[in-house]
Protein backbone atom coordinates (compact mmCIF):
# COMPACT_ATOMS: atom_id res chain seq x y z
CA MET A 1 0.32 -41.47 -164.39
CA ARG A 2 2.08 -44.26 -162.61
CA SER A 3 5.29 -42.24 -162.27
CA LYS A 4 3.33 -39.38 -160.66
CA GLN A 5 1.89 -41.83 -158.09
CA LEU A 6 5.39 -43.09 -157.29
CA ILE A 7 6.59 -39.52 -156.82
CA ILE A 8 3.69 -38.81 -154.43
CA ILE A 9 4.41 -42.01 -152.48
CA TYR A 10 8.09 -41.12 -152.29
CA ARG A 11 7.31 -37.59 -151.02
CA ASN A 12 4.94 -38.99 -148.38
CA MET A 13 7.57 -41.48 -147.19
CA LYS A 14 10.13 -38.69 -147.02
CA LYS A 15 7.77 -36.57 -144.93
CA THR A 16 7.10 -39.54 -142.62
CA ILE A 17 10.80 -40.21 -142.12
CA ILE A 18 11.54 -36.52 -141.47
CA TYR A 19 8.63 -36.35 -139.01
CA SER A 20 9.84 -39.49 -137.20
CA LEU A 21 13.36 -38.14 -136.94
CA ALA A 22 12.04 -34.85 -135.60
CA MET A 23 9.98 -36.66 -132.99
CA MET A 24 13.03 -38.73 -131.92
CA LEU A 25 15.09 -35.56 -131.56
CA CYS A 26 12.38 -33.98 -129.48
CA GLN A 27 12.23 -37.03 -127.25
CA LEU A 28 16.00 -36.98 -126.81
CA ALA A 29 15.90 -33.29 -126.04
CA SER A 30 13.28 -33.84 -123.35
CA ALA A 31 14.90 -37.01 -121.90
CA GLN A 32 15.17 -36.78 -118.13
CA THR A 33 18.83 -37.12 -117.20
CA SER A 34 18.46 -35.00 -114.07
CA ILE A 35 15.74 -34.04 -111.62
CA SER A 36 14.08 -31.04 -113.19
CA PRO A 37 11.37 -28.96 -111.44
CA ASP A 38 8.71 -30.85 -113.41
CA VAL A 39 10.17 -34.20 -112.39
CA LEU A 40 10.46 -33.06 -108.78
CA LYS A 41 6.78 -32.07 -108.82
CA GLN A 42 5.94 -35.54 -110.12
CA LEU A 43 8.00 -37.16 -107.36
CA GLU A 44 6.41 -35.01 -104.68
CA SER A 45 3.00 -36.29 -105.70
CA SER A 46 4.00 -39.80 -104.54
CA TYR A 47 3.60 -38.65 -100.93
CA ALA A 48 0.08 -37.45 -100.19
CA GLY A 49 0.62 -36.64 -96.52
CA THR A 50 -2.49 -38.43 -95.33
CA PRO A 51 -2.98 -38.87 -91.55
CA ALA A 52 -1.92 -42.50 -91.89
CA GLU A 53 1.26 -41.54 -93.77
CA LYS A 54 2.09 -38.82 -91.23
CA ALA A 55 1.64 -41.26 -88.34
CA LEU A 56 3.87 -43.82 -90.04
CA ARG A 57 6.50 -41.17 -90.85
CA ASN A 58 6.57 -40.03 -87.22
CA ALA A 59 7.00 -43.61 -85.99
CA ILE A 60 9.72 -44.55 -88.51
CA SER A 61 11.74 -41.40 -87.78
CA ASN A 62 11.91 -42.20 -84.06
CA VAL A 63 12.15 -46.02 -83.84
CA SER A 64 14.50 -48.51 -85.53
CA LEU A 65 13.15 -49.94 -88.75
CA GLN A 66 13.61 -53.50 -87.54
CA LYS A 67 11.49 -52.92 -84.45
CA MET A 68 8.82 -51.26 -86.54
CA ALA A 69 8.91 -54.10 -89.10
CA VAL A 70 8.43 -56.99 -86.63
CA ASN A 71 5.83 -59.26 -88.16
CA GLN A 72 3.38 -59.97 -85.35
CA GLU A 73 1.76 -62.71 -87.40
CA ASN A 74 5.06 -64.61 -87.17
CA ALA A 75 5.95 -63.65 -83.61
CA GLY A 76 4.45 -66.67 -81.85
CA ALA A 77 6.29 -69.54 -80.21
CA LYS A 78 9.07 -71.02 -82.32
CA ASP A 79 9.76 -74.72 -82.79
CA SER A 80 13.17 -75.53 -81.29
CA HIS A 81 12.98 -79.33 -81.54
CA PHE A 82 15.48 -81.08 -83.82
CA GLY A 83 15.35 -84.68 -84.93
CA ILE A 84 19.05 -84.72 -85.84
CA GLU A 85 21.27 -82.77 -83.47
CA ILE A 86 24.89 -83.05 -82.38
CA LYS A 87 24.92 -82.10 -78.72
CA ASN A 88 27.53 -79.65 -77.55
CA THR A 89 28.18 -77.55 -74.48
CA GLY A 90 30.13 -74.41 -73.72
CA ILE A 91 29.29 -71.48 -76.02
CA THR A 92 32.31 -69.33 -76.89
CA ASP A 93 32.40 -65.56 -77.39
CA GLN A 94 34.53 -63.77 -79.98
CA LYS A 95 33.52 -60.43 -78.44
CA SER A 96 34.65 -57.35 -80.38
CA SER A 97 36.82 -59.21 -82.86
CA GLY A 98 36.45 -60.57 -86.38
CA ARG A 99 37.55 -64.10 -85.48
CA CYS A 100 34.34 -66.01 -86.17
CA TRP A 101 36.18 -68.22 -88.69
CA LEU A 102 38.72 -69.18 -86.01
CA PHE A 103 36.12 -69.80 -83.29
CA THR A 104 34.09 -71.92 -85.70
CA GLY A 105 37.05 -74.03 -86.78
CA LEU A 106 38.31 -74.51 -83.23
CA ASN A 107 34.78 -75.32 -81.98
CA ILE A 108 34.73 -78.26 -84.39
CA LEU A 109 38.19 -79.40 -83.26
CA ARG A 110 37.37 -79.01 -79.58
CA GLY A 111 34.30 -81.20 -80.05
CA ARG A 112 36.63 -84.00 -81.07
CA ALA A 113 38.97 -83.29 -78.18
CA MET A 114 36.08 -83.33 -75.71
CA LYS A 115 35.13 -86.83 -76.83
CA LYS A 116 38.68 -88.11 -76.44
CA LEU A 117 39.17 -86.34 -73.12
CA GLY A 118 35.77 -87.40 -71.83
CA THR A 119 34.93 -83.90 -70.64
CA LYS A 120 32.07 -81.47 -71.16
CA ASP A 121 34.06 -78.39 -70.25
CA PHE A 122 36.90 -77.71 -72.63
CA VAL A 123 37.91 -74.85 -74.95
CA LEU A 124 40.89 -74.45 -77.25
CA SER A 125 42.89 -71.22 -77.19
CA GLN A 126 41.79 -68.84 -79.91
CA CYS A 127 44.49 -66.40 -78.85
CA TYR A 128 47.28 -68.91 -79.58
CA LEU A 129 46.32 -69.64 -83.17
CA PHE A 130 45.36 -66.01 -83.82
CA PHE A 131 48.91 -64.95 -82.89
CA PHE A 132 50.27 -67.09 -85.71
CA ASP A 133 47.47 -66.06 -88.04
CA GLN A 134 48.54 -62.44 -87.74
CA LEU A 135 52.21 -63.33 -88.08
CA GLU A 136 51.59 -65.44 -91.19
CA LYS A 137 49.34 -62.81 -92.77
CA SER A 138 52.06 -60.22 -92.18
CA ASN A 139 54.53 -62.44 -94.02
CA LEU A 140 51.96 -63.08 -96.77
CA PHE A 141 51.61 -59.32 -97.33
CA LEU A 142 55.32 -58.51 -97.24
CA GLN A 143 56.23 -61.40 -99.52
CA GLY A 144 53.42 -60.32 -101.83
CA ILE A 145 55.02 -56.87 -102.02
CA ILE A 146 58.33 -58.49 -102.96
CA ASP A 147 56.66 -60.71 -105.57
CA THR A 148 54.94 -57.70 -107.20
CA ARG A 149 57.84 -55.26 -106.87
CA LYS A 150 58.16 -54.90 -110.66
CA GLN A 151 54.51 -53.90 -111.06
CA PRO A 152 53.48 -50.22 -110.92
CA ILE A 153 52.29 -49.13 -107.49
CA ASP A 154 48.90 -48.26 -108.99
CA SER A 155 48.43 -51.72 -110.53
CA GLU A 156 45.31 -53.50 -109.30
CA MET A 157 47.23 -56.20 -107.44
CA VAL A 158 49.60 -53.81 -105.64
CA ARG A 159 46.72 -51.50 -104.76
CA TRP A 160 44.81 -54.48 -103.33
CA LEU A 161 47.80 -55.56 -101.23
CA PHE A 162 48.25 -52.13 -99.68
CA GLN A 163 44.51 -51.83 -99.10
CA HIS A 164 44.41 -55.22 -97.35
CA PRO A 165 47.75 -55.82 -95.62
CA LEU A 166 46.07 -57.62 -92.72
CA SER A 167 42.70 -58.46 -91.21
CA ASP A 168 41.30 -60.48 -88.34
CA GLY A 169 38.78 -62.18 -90.63
CA GLY A 170 39.39 -65.50 -92.34
CA THR A 171 38.14 -68.79 -93.74
CA TYR A 172 38.25 -72.52 -93.07
CA THR A 173 41.50 -73.00 -94.98
CA GLY A 174 43.16 -70.65 -92.52
CA VAL A 175 42.18 -72.87 -89.58
CA ALA A 176 43.34 -75.99 -91.41
CA ASP A 177 46.73 -74.57 -92.47
CA LEU A 178 47.48 -72.87 -89.14
CA ALA A 179 46.53 -75.85 -86.98
CA ALA A 180 48.55 -78.24 -89.16
CA LYS A 181 51.61 -75.97 -88.92
CA TYR A 182 51.45 -74.71 -85.34
CA GLY A 183 49.12 -77.09 -83.51
CA VAL A 184 46.64 -76.01 -80.83
CA VAL A 185 46.66 -75.53 -77.06
CA PRO A 186 43.95 -75.48 -74.38
CA ALA A 187 42.50 -72.07 -73.59
CA ASP A 188 44.11 -71.74 -70.16
CA VAL A 189 47.58 -72.36 -71.64
CA MET A 190 47.34 -69.12 -73.65
CA PRO A 191 44.27 -67.18 -72.48
CA GLU A 192 42.56 -64.27 -74.19
CA THR A 193 43.82 -60.72 -73.71
CA TYR A 194 42.04 -57.39 -73.95
CA VAL A 195 43.47 -56.92 -77.45
CA SER A 196 42.45 -60.37 -78.70
CA ASN A 197 38.89 -59.65 -77.56
CA SER A 198 38.91 -56.22 -79.17
CA THR A 199 41.20 -56.37 -82.18
CA SER A 200 40.38 -53.22 -84.13
CA GLU A 201 42.73 -50.69 -82.51
CA PHE A 202 45.85 -52.83 -82.42
CA CYS A 203 45.16 -54.26 -85.86
CA GLY A 204 45.02 -50.72 -87.22
CA HIS A 205 48.51 -49.94 -85.88
CA LEU A 206 49.92 -53.20 -87.22
CA LYS A 207 48.45 -52.52 -90.67
CA ARG A 208 50.04 -49.08 -90.68
CA LYS A 209 53.41 -50.60 -89.81
CA LEU A 210 53.07 -53.22 -92.52
CA ARG A 211 52.29 -50.59 -95.13
CA GLU A 212 55.40 -48.72 -94.05
CA PHE A 213 57.47 -51.90 -94.39
CA GLY A 214 55.86 -52.58 -97.77
CA ILE A 215 56.74 -49.21 -99.24
CA THR A 216 60.28 -49.60 -97.89
CA LEU A 217 60.63 -52.93 -99.72
CA ARG A 218 59.49 -51.35 -102.98
CA GLU A 219 61.89 -48.41 -102.58
CA LYS A 220 64.80 -50.75 -101.80
CA SER A 221 63.93 -52.79 -104.88
CA GLU A 222 63.89 -49.69 -107.06
CA ALA A 223 67.31 -48.78 -105.63
CA GLY A 224 68.72 -52.10 -106.86
CA MET A 225 68.37 -54.46 -103.88
CA SER A 226 68.18 -58.10 -105.00
CA GLU A 227 65.30 -60.46 -104.23
CA LYS A 228 67.41 -62.38 -101.72
CA GLN A 229 68.37 -59.14 -99.95
CA LEU A 230 64.74 -58.04 -99.90
CA GLU A 231 63.70 -61.32 -98.26
CA ALA A 232 66.42 -60.89 -95.63
CA LEU A 233 65.08 -57.38 -94.95
CA LYS A 234 61.59 -58.84 -94.71
CA VAL A 235 62.73 -61.18 -91.91
CA GLU A 236 64.10 -58.17 -90.01
CA GLN A 237 60.74 -56.45 -90.44
CA LEU A 238 58.92 -59.55 -89.20
CA GLN A 239 60.97 -59.38 -85.99
CA THR A 240 59.25 -56.07 -85.26
CA VAL A 241 55.89 -57.63 -86.11
CA TYR A 242 56.57 -60.59 -83.80
CA LYS A 243 57.45 -58.30 -80.91
CA MET A 244 54.29 -56.26 -81.45
CA LEU A 245 52.20 -59.45 -81.45
CA VAL A 246 53.83 -60.62 -78.20
CA MET A 247 52.92 -57.30 -76.58
CA ALA A 248 49.30 -57.72 -77.65
CA TYR A 249 48.68 -61.46 -77.30
CA GLY A 250 51.46 -62.95 -75.17
CA VAL A 251 54.25 -65.43 -75.88
CA PRO A 252 52.98 -68.57 -77.64
CA PRO A 253 54.14 -71.66 -75.72
CA LYS A 254 56.42 -74.21 -77.34
CA THR A 255 55.49 -76.86 -74.75
CA PHE A 256 53.00 -77.10 -71.89
CA THR A 257 52.03 -79.55 -69.18
CA TRP A 258 48.50 -80.90 -69.43
CA LYS A 259 47.02 -82.70 -66.45
CA ASP A 260 43.52 -83.56 -67.61
CA LEU A 261 44.48 -86.76 -69.42
CA PRO A 262 41.89 -89.53 -69.83
CA GLN A 263 42.51 -92.36 -67.41
CA PRO A 264 41.48 -96.02 -67.77
CA SER A 265 39.98 -95.99 -64.29
CA LEU A 266 37.50 -93.22 -65.08
CA LYS A 267 34.24 -94.60 -66.38
CA GLY A 268 33.22 -93.40 -69.82
CA ARG A 269 36.68 -92.20 -70.81
CA GLU A 270 38.91 -93.73 -73.42
CA SER A 271 41.95 -95.61 -72.28
CA SER A 272 44.84 -93.22 -72.01
CA PRO A 273 47.48 -93.49 -74.73
CA PHE A 274 49.98 -92.46 -72.07
CA LYS A 275 49.83 -95.56 -69.88
CA GLY A 276 48.11 -94.06 -66.87
CA GLU A 277 50.19 -90.90 -66.57
CA LEU A 278 48.48 -88.15 -64.58
CA GLU A 279 50.07 -85.43 -66.68
CA ARG A 280 52.23 -85.06 -69.71
CA VAL A 281 54.30 -82.41 -71.48
CA PHE A 282 52.90 -81.63 -74.92
CA SER A 283 54.00 -79.53 -77.81
CA PRO A 284 51.06 -77.75 -79.50
CA LEU A 285 51.43 -80.04 -82.52
CA ASP A 286 51.45 -83.14 -80.29
CA PHE A 287 48.22 -82.01 -78.65
CA PHE A 288 46.59 -81.29 -82.02
CA LYS A 289 47.52 -84.68 -83.46
CA THR A 290 46.55 -86.57 -80.29
CA TYR A 291 43.17 -85.03 -79.54
CA CYS A 292 41.89 -83.06 -82.55
CA ILE A 293 42.41 -85.23 -85.64
CA SER A 294 42.45 -88.90 -86.52
CA GLU A 295 45.65 -90.64 -87.52
CA GLY A 296 46.57 -89.68 -91.07
CA GLU A 297 43.78 -87.10 -91.36
CA ASP A 298 44.42 -83.93 -93.38
CA LEU A 299 42.11 -81.00 -92.66
CA ASN A 300 42.63 -79.69 -96.18
CA MET A 301 42.75 -82.76 -98.41
CA ASP A 302 40.01 -84.70 -96.60
CA TYR A 303 37.47 -81.87 -96.63
CA VAL A 304 35.62 -80.07 -99.43
CA MET A 305 34.31 -76.52 -99.35
CA LEU A 306 30.87 -76.41 -100.95
CA MET A 307 29.38 -73.14 -102.17
CA ASN A 308 25.93 -72.10 -103.33
CA ASP A 309 26.49 -69.09 -105.58
CA PRO A 310 23.79 -68.91 -108.29
CA SER A 311 25.56 -65.94 -109.89
CA ARG A 312 28.18 -68.37 -111.25
CA PRO A 313 27.81 -71.70 -113.10
CA PHE A 314 27.20 -74.73 -110.91
CA GLY A 315 29.38 -77.83 -111.22
CA LYS A 316 32.55 -75.76 -111.43
CA VAL A 317 35.55 -75.53 -109.11
CA TYR A 318 36.80 -72.06 -108.19
CA GLU A 319 40.00 -70.89 -106.55
CA ILE A 320 40.42 -67.45 -105.01
CA ASP A 321 43.82 -65.95 -105.75
CA TYR A 322 45.79 -64.88 -102.68
CA ASP A 323 42.91 -65.88 -100.41
CA ARG A 324 44.96 -67.77 -97.85
CA HIS A 325 46.42 -67.18 -94.40
CA VAL A 326 49.83 -68.77 -94.93
CA TYR A 327 52.10 -67.92 -97.87
CA ASP A 328 52.94 -71.58 -98.48
CA GLY A 329 49.40 -72.69 -97.57
CA HIS A 330 46.24 -73.31 -99.55
CA ASN A 331 44.17 -70.80 -101.49
CA TRP A 332 40.45 -70.97 -100.87
CA LEU A 333 39.08 -73.61 -103.29
CA TYR A 334 35.42 -74.59 -103.53
CA VAL A 335 32.86 -76.48 -105.59
CA ASN A 336 29.78 -74.50 -106.60
CA LEU A 337 26.61 -76.59 -106.20
CA PRO A 338 22.85 -76.17 -106.44
CA ILE A 339 21.32 -75.73 -103.01
CA GLU A 340 19.58 -79.15 -103.11
CA GLU A 341 22.87 -80.99 -103.58
CA LEU A 342 24.60 -78.97 -100.86
CA GLU A 343 21.77 -79.64 -98.42
CA SER A 344 21.87 -83.37 -99.15
CA ILE A 345 25.58 -83.50 -98.25
CA ALA A 346 25.04 -81.46 -95.09
CA ILE A 347 22.23 -83.76 -93.95
CA ALA A 348 24.39 -86.86 -94.52
CA SER A 349 27.14 -85.33 -92.42
CA LEU A 350 24.83 -84.41 -89.53
CA LYS A 351 23.21 -87.85 -89.58
CA ASP A 352 26.70 -89.24 -88.97
CA SER A 353 27.27 -86.81 -86.04
CA CYS A 354 29.79 -84.72 -87.96
CA GLN A 355 29.56 -80.96 -87.44
CA MET A 356 30.49 -78.58 -90.24
CA TYR A 357 32.07 -75.21 -90.80
CA PHE A 358 29.24 -73.04 -92.12
CA SER A 359 28.94 -69.43 -93.28
CA CYS A 360 26.09 -67.15 -94.27
CA ASP A 361 24.82 -63.58 -94.51
CA VAL A 362 23.89 -63.63 -90.85
CA GLY A 363 22.36 -60.17 -90.49
CA LYS A 364 19.50 -60.69 -92.92
CA PHE A 365 16.12 -61.30 -91.25
CA LEU A 366 17.74 -62.51 -88.01
CA ASP A 367 15.86 -61.77 -84.80
CA ARG A 368 18.83 -61.48 -82.45
CA SER A 369 16.65 -61.44 -79.35
CA THR A 370 15.20 -64.88 -80.05
CA GLY A 371 17.95 -66.36 -82.22
CA PHE A 372 15.59 -67.23 -85.10
CA ALA A 373 16.42 -66.46 -88.73
CA ASP A 374 13.21 -66.45 -90.75
CA LEU A 375 12.22 -64.59 -93.93
CA LYS A 376 8.90 -63.79 -92.22
CA ASN A 377 10.45 -62.18 -89.14
CA PHE A 378 10.18 -58.64 -90.49
CA ASP A 379 7.67 -57.08 -92.88
CA TYR A 380 9.62 -54.22 -94.45
CA ASP A 381 7.36 -54.26 -97.52
CA SER A 382 4.28 -53.13 -95.60
CA LEU A 383 6.26 -50.71 -93.46
CA LEU A 384 7.94 -48.90 -96.35
CA GLY A 385 5.16 -49.27 -98.90
CA THR A 386 7.16 -51.16 -101.51
CA THR A 387 8.49 -54.63 -102.29
CA PHE A 388 12.01 -56.05 -102.26
CA GLY A 389 12.04 -58.58 -105.05
CA MET A 390 15.65 -59.52 -105.88
CA ASN A 391 16.52 -63.21 -105.82
CA LYS A 392 19.77 -64.65 -104.44
CA LYS A 393 21.61 -64.37 -107.75
CA GLN A 394 20.62 -60.73 -108.17
CA ARG A 395 21.55 -59.86 -104.58
CA ILE A 396 25.04 -61.30 -105.13
CA GLN A 397 25.48 -59.52 -108.46
CA THR A 398 24.48 -56.15 -106.99
CA PHE A 399 26.58 -56.52 -103.80
CA ASP A 400 23.43 -56.67 -101.67
CA SER A 401 24.35 -60.01 -100.09
CA GLY A 402 27.38 -62.16 -99.39
CA SER A 403 28.88 -64.34 -96.69
CA THR A 404 29.61 -62.30 -93.56
CA HIS A 405 29.86 -64.73 -90.64
CA ALA A 406 31.00 -68.29 -89.88
CA MET A 407 29.34 -70.65 -87.39
CA THR A 408 29.16 -74.39 -86.66
CA LEU A 409 26.33 -76.29 -88.36
CA MET A 410 25.14 -78.87 -85.81
CA ALA A 411 21.47 -79.81 -86.35
CA VAL A 412 18.73 -80.29 -88.93
CA ASP A 413 15.05 -81.14 -88.62
CA LEU A 414 13.44 -83.13 -91.44
CA ASP A 415 9.84 -83.57 -92.53
CA LYS A 416 8.21 -86.94 -93.24
CA ASP A 417 9.70 -86.94 -96.75
CA GLY A 418 13.23 -86.32 -95.49
CA LYS A 419 13.29 -82.67 -96.59
CA PRO A 420 14.83 -80.09 -94.24
CA LYS A 421 12.48 -77.81 -92.32
CA LYS A 422 15.02 -75.93 -90.22
CA TRP A 423 18.70 -75.88 -89.24
CA LYS A 424 20.69 -74.98 -86.14
CA VAL A 425 24.16 -73.53 -85.69
CA GLU A 426 26.46 -72.95 -82.73
CA ASN A 427 27.43 -69.29 -82.72
CA SER A 428 30.37 -67.46 -81.11
CA TRP A 429 28.58 -64.41 -79.70
CA GLY A 430 28.35 -65.72 -76.14
CA SER A 431 25.64 -67.69 -74.37
CA GLY A 432 23.52 -64.58 -73.84
CA SER A 433 22.79 -64.16 -77.55
CA GLY A 434 20.00 -65.79 -79.51
CA GLN A 435 18.85 -69.23 -78.34
CA ASN A 436 21.35 -69.48 -75.48
CA GLY A 437 24.17 -68.96 -77.95
CA TYR A 438 22.62 -70.84 -80.88
CA ILE A 439 20.76 -69.68 -83.99
CA ILE A 440 17.86 -71.56 -85.57
CA MET A 441 17.05 -70.86 -89.21
CA THR A 442 14.17 -71.96 -91.41
CA ASP A 443 15.05 -73.85 -94.57
CA GLU A 444 13.63 -70.98 -96.62
CA TRP A 445 16.14 -68.65 -94.94
CA PHE A 446 18.92 -71.22 -95.31
CA ARG A 447 18.41 -71.39 -99.06
CA GLU A 448 18.46 -67.61 -99.49
CA TYR A 449 21.30 -66.56 -97.18
CA MET A 450 23.51 -69.62 -96.63
CA PHE A 451 26.63 -69.60 -98.83
CA ARG A 452 29.06 -72.38 -97.85
CA VAL A 453 29.73 -75.44 -95.76
CA VAL A 454 32.83 -77.59 -95.38
CA ALA A 455 32.09 -81.32 -95.48
CA HIS A 456 34.23 -84.43 -95.27
CA ARG A 457 34.83 -86.07 -98.64
CA LYS A 458 33.10 -89.26 -97.50
CA TYR A 459 29.73 -87.46 -97.45
CA CYS A 460 30.16 -86.13 -101.00
CA PRO A 461 28.82 -88.20 -103.92
CA ALA A 462 31.23 -89.33 -106.63
CA SER A 463 29.89 -86.68 -108.98
CA VAL A 464 31.08 -83.92 -106.63
CA LEU A 465 34.47 -85.54 -106.05
CA ASP A 466 34.90 -85.85 -109.82
CA MET A 467 34.42 -82.08 -110.09
CA LEU A 468 37.55 -81.61 -107.98
CA LYS A 469 39.56 -83.06 -110.85
CA GLN A 470 38.81 -79.96 -112.91
CA LYS A 471 41.33 -77.19 -113.32
CA PRO A 472 39.91 -74.52 -111.00
CA VAL A 473 38.61 -71.26 -112.39
CA ARG A 474 40.91 -68.71 -110.77
CA LEU A 475 39.18 -65.62 -109.44
CA PRO A 476 41.00 -62.44 -108.36
CA ALA A 477 41.67 -61.68 -104.71
CA TRP A 478 39.39 -58.64 -104.86
CA ASP A 479 36.33 -60.54 -106.00
CA PRO A 480 33.63 -59.03 -103.72
CA MET A 481 31.91 -62.34 -103.08
CA PHE A 482 34.89 -63.63 -101.20
CA SER A 483 35.56 -61.20 -98.40
CA GLU A 484 36.79 -62.82 -95.20
CA GLU A 485 34.24 -63.85 -92.59
CA ASP A 486 34.29 -62.07 -89.26
């Protein structure tokens, strides 16, 4: 009797298993891998076509989303007072170029020069340093082609080189390396040109020429040319590049006469280091060392790039391979920190009247007409009938957000507990943009869309400086988080 019961139980289990498998197969067979007519009918039901929906559809199809999404509840007067602010004058304008990184770096250096010169009207030449940036990047690409000549042309590194032979974007390390190597000059010594203000067309032709030179180097290598011969050929190619750059940007001066020297007799100015001379002949490096840095200062070694990237572990040091402007210069190296620690360092720097190189995802929730960046500026959720719920980590991981623009961090406003309420940056879009050339951002926005600042080591706690002793985690040049700022 017992054996019969076991047989019945076994048969029932077998039927159950067979039924379950059949159901799974049916489910797989009916799985929706494409939009079938039934699925389309289901999707169509999501839009009812009510009068309100029709009115909204008509408005959205004829007006920009941003204008439609303006949050009137947040459109009142904005607070523009700052308790801690480094005063500056003379907003610069990068115009139709991707040189925000260069304008930002030179704006910080010119602030130092203005103090030493005792003037409120002074600008450094962006055109001068950009000339050498493009020359050095051309050499970086061509030497990279020589270094990778044994790799297949479809290898990831070689493909990346040919895809990115040159750009007008950049980072802080580019400013530091270029200024230390070539110096700086006042703006009227090497003024802007049409091409420097609108770089796209000329840059396209130069990139095409560099790709041609690059493929020539690979072909010569395959034909048996030695490394030394290839480097000699590269120098010949760079002569063509140099001539093209001269045509576009002018001849960079080796020396210049500068008349606006500080004099002891002028109240409020420092005593002149040139014993009362009315003018002096400078080399660009002399001018840089005299007016833009302190004695013994190193713009690379004395400064730390701080990053807030929650998609990667905090407390680590990262280095971006091939992310430099000068072949023998510095790769981009940064410490990844929680936002609270980064903010604390930035506040300490501003309290000591030290501006900082700063970069962010500038286009997100920025009201360009008023110059305020606020997460409440635009209500896209209500407009489009959905929610946008990704956090900063998720936006980075899905390529929805990343650093796009560099500016000069110059002010912070704190509450009674010393916590930041809002921040202010000097932009390089001209005085007619935003808040007379500045952008004010709430701390909520800062935490979501700010990515990096460059601070002097003296404002970093020992714990951060100890992190720099780590062996950096080396990331590839094509890492999407580290595109150049423009």
